[in-house]
Amino acid sequence: MIHPSYSELIKVVNQGAEDDETPVVSSRYSIVLATSKRARQLIAGAEPKVGGTHGKKPLSIAIDELYKGQVKIMPEEEEKGGEE
């Protein structure tokens, strides 16, 4: 079994959202996209933001970073706005 579970990750990511706002993440698909994007950044040479990464695969590190709140998922509108 994967730890943390998808539902635990979704709760952690949405924890900072206000009650009247739409949750940042509403599906497993969003979690998978976010962790895979961060894993690709790690493969490309980005420094891990958590300790104890020796021997771990990039995806495991990305999940750990997300679960510990070291990496934030930005809503799609904000992400696109910064690229232009």
N, C-alpha and C. Protein backbone atom coordinates (compact mmCIF):
# COMPACT_ATOMS: atom_id res chain seq x y z
N MET A 1 0.84 -1.18 0.00
CA MET A 1 0.00 0.00 0.00
C MET A 1 0.88 1.25 0.00
N ILE A 2 0.47 2.24 -0.71
CA ILE A 2 1.19 3.51 -0.79
C ILE A 2 0.89 4.33 0.45
N HIS A 3 1.93 4.88 1.05
CA HIS A 3 1.71 5.80 2.18
C HIS A 3 2.41 7.11 1.86
N PRO A 4 1.80 8.20 1.96
CA PRO A 4 0.41 8.43 2.34
C PRO A 4 -0.54 8.10 1.19
N SER A 5 -1.78 7.87 1.53
CA SER A 5 -2.78 7.53 0.53
C SER A 5 -3.19 8.79 -0.25
N TYR A 6 -3.86 8.58 -1.37
CA TYR A 6 -4.35 9.71 -2.16
C TYR A 6 -5.25 10.62 -1.34
N SER A 7 -6.14 10.02 -0.56
CA SER A 7 -7.07 10.83 0.22
C SER A 7 -6.34 11.66 1.28
N GLU A 8 -5.29 11.11 1.89
CA GLU A 8 -4.50 11.87 2.85
C GLU A 8 -3.80 13.04 2.17
N LEU A 9 -3.23 12.80 0.99
CA LEU A 9 -2.56 13.88 0.25
C LEU A 9 -3.53 14.98 -0.13
N ILE A 10 -4.71 14.61 -0.56
CA ILE A 10 -5.72 15.61 -0.94
C ILE A 10 -6.09 16.47 0.26
N LYS A 11 -6.26 15.85 1.43
CA LYS A 11 -6.58 16.60 2.65
C LYS A 11 -5.46 17.58 3.00
N VAL A 12 -4.21 17.13 2.92
CA VAL A 12 -3.08 17.99 3.25
C VAL A 12 -2.98 19.17 2.30
N VAL A 13 -3.14 18.92 1.02
CA VAL A 13 -3.01 19.99 0.01
C VAL A 13 -4.13 21.01 0.16
N ASN A 14 -5.34 20.55 0.45
CA ASN A 14 -6.49 21.45 0.55
C ASN A 14 -6.63 22.07 1.94
N GLN A 15 -5.77 21.73 2.86
CA GLN A 15 -5.86 22.20 4.23
C GLN A 15 -5.82 23.73 4.33
N GLY A 16 -5.03 24.40 3.51
CA GLY A 16 -4.92 25.85 3.58
C GLY A 16 -6.03 26.60 2.86
N ALA A 17 -6.86 25.91 2.11
CA ALA A 17 -7.93 26.58 1.35
C ALA A 17 -9.04 27.04 2.30
N GLU A 18 -9.58 28.20 2.01
CA GLU A 18 -10.70 28.73 2.79
C GLU A 18 -11.95 27.93 2.50
N ASP A 19 -12.94 28.00 3.40
CA ASP A 19 -14.18 27.25 3.22
C ASP A 19 -14.96 27.67 1.98
N ASP A 20 -14.92 28.97 1.66
CA ASP A 20 -15.69 29.45 0.51
C ASP A 20 -14.95 29.28 -0.81
N GLU A 21 -13.69 28.93 -0.78
CA GLU A 21 -12.91 28.74 -2.01
C GLU A 21 -13.08 27.31 -2.52
N THR A 22 -12.84 27.14 -3.80
CA THR A 22 -12.83 25.80 -4.35
C THR A 22 -11.53 25.14 -3.93
N PRO A 23 -11.55 23.85 -3.63
CA PRO A 23 -10.32 23.18 -3.23
C PRO A 23 -9.29 23.20 -4.36
N VAL A 24 -8.02 23.27 -3.99
CA VAL A 24 -6.95 23.29 -4.98
C VAL A 24 -6.93 21.96 -5.72
N VAL A 25 -7.10 20.88 -4.99
CA VAL A 25 -7.09 19.55 -5.58
C VAL A 25 -8.41 18.86 -5.28
N SER A 26 -9.04 18.34 -6.31
CA SER A 26 -10.32 17.67 -6.09
C SER A 26 -10.33 16.23 -6.59
N SER A 27 -9.20 15.77 -7.14
CA SER A 27 -9.19 14.41 -7.66
C SER A 27 -7.79 13.79 -7.56
N ARG A 28 -7.75 12.50 -7.69
CA ARG A 28 -6.46 11.79 -7.70
C ARG A 28 -5.62 12.23 -8.90
N TYR A 29 -6.28 12.50 -9.98
CA TYR A 29 -5.59 12.92 -11.20
C TYR A 29 -4.74 14.15 -10.95
N SER A 30 -5.27 15.12 -10.22
CA SER A 30 -4.53 16.34 -9.90
C SER A 30 -3.29 16.05 -9.07
N ILE A 31 -3.42 15.14 -8.11
CA ILE A 31 -2.29 14.74 -7.27
C ILE A 31 -1.22 14.07 -8.12
N VAL A 32 -1.64 13.19 -9.01
CA VAL A 32 -0.69 12.48 -9.88
C VAL A 32 0.05 13.47 -10.77
N LEU A 33 -0.66 14.43 -11.35
CA LEU A 33 -0.01 15.43 -12.19
C LEU A 33 1.01 16.26 -11.41
N ALA A 34 0.63 16.68 -10.21
CA ALA A 34 1.51 17.52 -9.40
C ALA A 34 2.77 16.76 -8.98
N THR A 35 2.60 15.53 -8.52
CA THR A 35 3.77 14.78 -8.07
C THR A 35 4.67 14.39 -9.25
N SER A 36 4.08 14.09 -10.39
CA SER A 36 4.92 13.73 -11.54
C SER A 36 5.68 14.95 -12.06
N LYS A 37 5.07 16.12 -12.00
CA LYS A 37 5.76 17.34 -12.42
C LYS A 37 6.95 17.62 -11.50
N ARG A 38 6.73 17.47 -10.19
CA ARG A 38 7.82 17.70 -9.24
C ARG A 38 8.90 16.64 -9.40
N ALA A 39 8.53 15.39 -9.64
CA ALA A 39 9.51 14.32 -9.86
C ALA A 39 10.38 14.63 -11.07
N ARG A 40 9.77 15.16 -12.13
CA ARG A 40 10.55 15.55 -13.31
C ARG A 40 11.54 16.67 -12.99
N GLN A 41 11.13 17.60 -12.13
CA GLN A 41 12.04 18.66 -11.71
C GLN A 41 13.22 18.09 -10.93
N LEU A 42 12.96 17.12 -10.08
CA LEU A 42 14.03 16.48 -9.32
C LEU A 42 14.99 15.72 -10.24
N ILE A 43 14.44 15.04 -11.22
CA ILE A 43 15.28 14.32 -12.19
C ILE A 43 16.16 15.30 -12.96
N ALA A 44 15.62 16.48 -13.24
CA ALA A 44 16.36 17.49 -14.00
C ALA A 44 17.43 18.19 -13.14
N GLY A 45 17.47 17.90 -11.84
CA GLY A 45 18.53 18.46 -11.01
C GLY A 45 18.09 19.35 -9.87
N ALA A 46 16.80 19.53 -9.67
CA ALA A 46 16.32 20.35 -8.56
C ALA A 46 16.68 19.68 -7.23
N GLU A 47 16.97 20.50 -6.23
CA GLU A 47 17.32 19.99 -4.91
C GLU A 47 16.06 19.56 -4.16
N PRO A 48 16.10 18.39 -3.52
CA PRO A 48 14.96 17.98 -2.69
C PRO A 48 14.77 18.92 -1.51
N LYS A 49 13.54 19.15 -1.12
CA LYS A 49 13.22 20.07 -0.03
C LYS A 49 12.98 19.34 1.29
N VAL A 50 13.21 18.04 1.31
CA VAL A 50 13.08 17.25 2.53
C VAL A 50 14.35 16.43 2.71
N GLY A 51 14.59 16.04 3.94
CA GLY A 51 15.75 15.22 4.23
C GLY A 51 15.47 13.74 4.04
N GLY A 52 16.52 12.94 4.15
CA GLY A 52 16.36 11.49 4.05
C GLY A 52 16.00 10.99 2.68
N THR A 53 16.57 11.60 1.66
CA THR A 53 16.21 11.23 0.29
C THR A 53 17.16 10.21 -0.31
N HIS A 54 18.23 9.88 0.39
CA HIS A 54 19.22 8.94 -0.15
C HIS A 54 18.58 7.59 -0.45
N GLY A 55 18.70 7.15 -1.67
CA GLY A 55 18.16 5.86 -2.08
C GLY A 55 16.70 5.87 -2.48
N LYS A 56 16.04 7.02 -2.38
CA LYS A 56 14.63 7.11 -2.77
C LYS A 56 14.53 7.52 -4.23
N LYS A 57 13.47 7.07 -4.86
CA LYS A 57 13.19 7.46 -6.24
C LYS A 57 12.57 8.85 -6.25
N PRO A 58 12.73 9.58 -7.37
CA PRO A 58 12.20 10.95 -7.45
C PRO A 58 10.71 11.07 -7.14
N LEU A 59 9.91 10.11 -7.56
CA LEU A 59 8.47 10.19 -7.28
C LEU A 59 8.19 10.07 -5.78
N SER A 60 8.91 9.20 -5.10
CA SER A 60 8.74 9.06 -3.65
C SER A 60 9.13 10.34 -2.93
N ILE A 61 10.19 10.98 -3.39
CA ILE A 61 10.62 12.26 -2.81
C ILE A 61 9.55 13.32 -3.04
N ALA A 62 9.01 13.37 -4.25
CA ALA A 62 7.98 14.36 -4.59
C ALA A 62 6.73 14.18 -3.72
N ILE A 63 6.33 12.95 -3.50
CA ILE A 63 5.17 12.67 -2.65
C ILE A 63 5.45 13.11 -1.22
N ASP A 64 6.65 12.82 -0.74
CA ASP A 64 7.03 13.20 0.62
C ASP A 64 7.05 14.72 0.78
N GLU A 65 7.57 15.42 -0.22
CA GLU A 65 7.59 16.89 -0.18
C GLU A 65 6.18 17.46 -0.12
N LEU A 66 5.31 16.92 -0.92
CA LEU A 66 3.92 17.39 -0.96
C LEU A 66 3.22 17.12 0.37
N TYR A 67 3.42 15.94 0.91
CA TYR A 67 2.78 15.55 2.17
C TYR A 67 3.26 16.40 3.34
N LYS A 68 4.54 16.77 3.33
CA LYS A 68 5.10 17.57 4.42
C LYS A 68 4.90 19.07 4.22
N GLY A 69 4.26 19.45 3.12
CA GLY A 69 3.96 20.86 2.88
C GLY A 69 5.12 21.68 2.36
N GLN A 70 6.17 21.03 1.89
CA GLN A 70 7.34 21.74 1.37
C GLN A 70 7.12 22.22 -0.06
N VAL A 71 6.18 21.59 -0.75
CA VAL A 71 5.84 21.96 -2.12
C VAL A 71 4.34 22.24 -2.15
N LYS A 72 3.96 23.34 -2.78
CA LYS A 72 2.55 23.72 -2.86
C LYS A 72 2.05 23.54 -4.28
N ILE A 73 0.80 23.16 -4.41
CA ILE A 73 0.15 23.05 -5.72
C ILE A 73 -0.59 24.35 -5.94
N MET A 74 -0.26 25.02 -7.03
CA MET A 74 -0.91 26.27 -7.37
C MET A 74 -2.13 25.99 -8.23
N PRO A 75 -3.23 26.73 -8.01
CA PRO A 75 -4.39 26.58 -8.89
C PRO A 75 -4.00 26.89 -10.33
N GLU A 76 -4.67 26.29 -11.27
CA GLU A 76 -4.31 26.42 -12.68
C GLU A 76 -4.29 27.86 -13.16
N GLU A 77 -5.22 28.69 -12.70
CA GLU A 77 -5.28 30.09 -13.15
C GLU A 77 -4.03 30.86 -12.76
N GLU A 78 -3.55 30.66 -11.52
CA GLU A 78 -2.36 31.36 -11.03
C GLU A 78 -1.13 30.88 -11.77
N GLU A 79 -1.04 29.59 -12.04
CA GLU A 79 0.12 29.03 -12.72
C GLU A 79 0.25 29.59 -14.13
N LYS A 80 -0.86 29.67 -14.85
CA LYS A 80 -0.83 30.19 -16.21
C LYS A 80 -0.53 31.68 -16.23
N GLY A 81 -1.02 32.41 -15.24
CA GLY A 81 -0.79 33.84 -15.18
C GLY A 81 0.67 34.20 -15.02
N GLY A 82 1.44 33.36 -14.35
CA GLY A 82 2.85 33.63 -14.14
C GLY A 82 3.71 33.32 -15.35
N GLU A 83 3.21 32.53 -16.30
CA GLU A 83 3.99 32.14 -17.46
C GLU A 83 4.02 33.20 -18.54
N GLU A 84 3.03 34.05 -18.59
CA GLU A 84 2.92 35.01 -19.69
C GLU A 84 3.81 36.20 -19.49
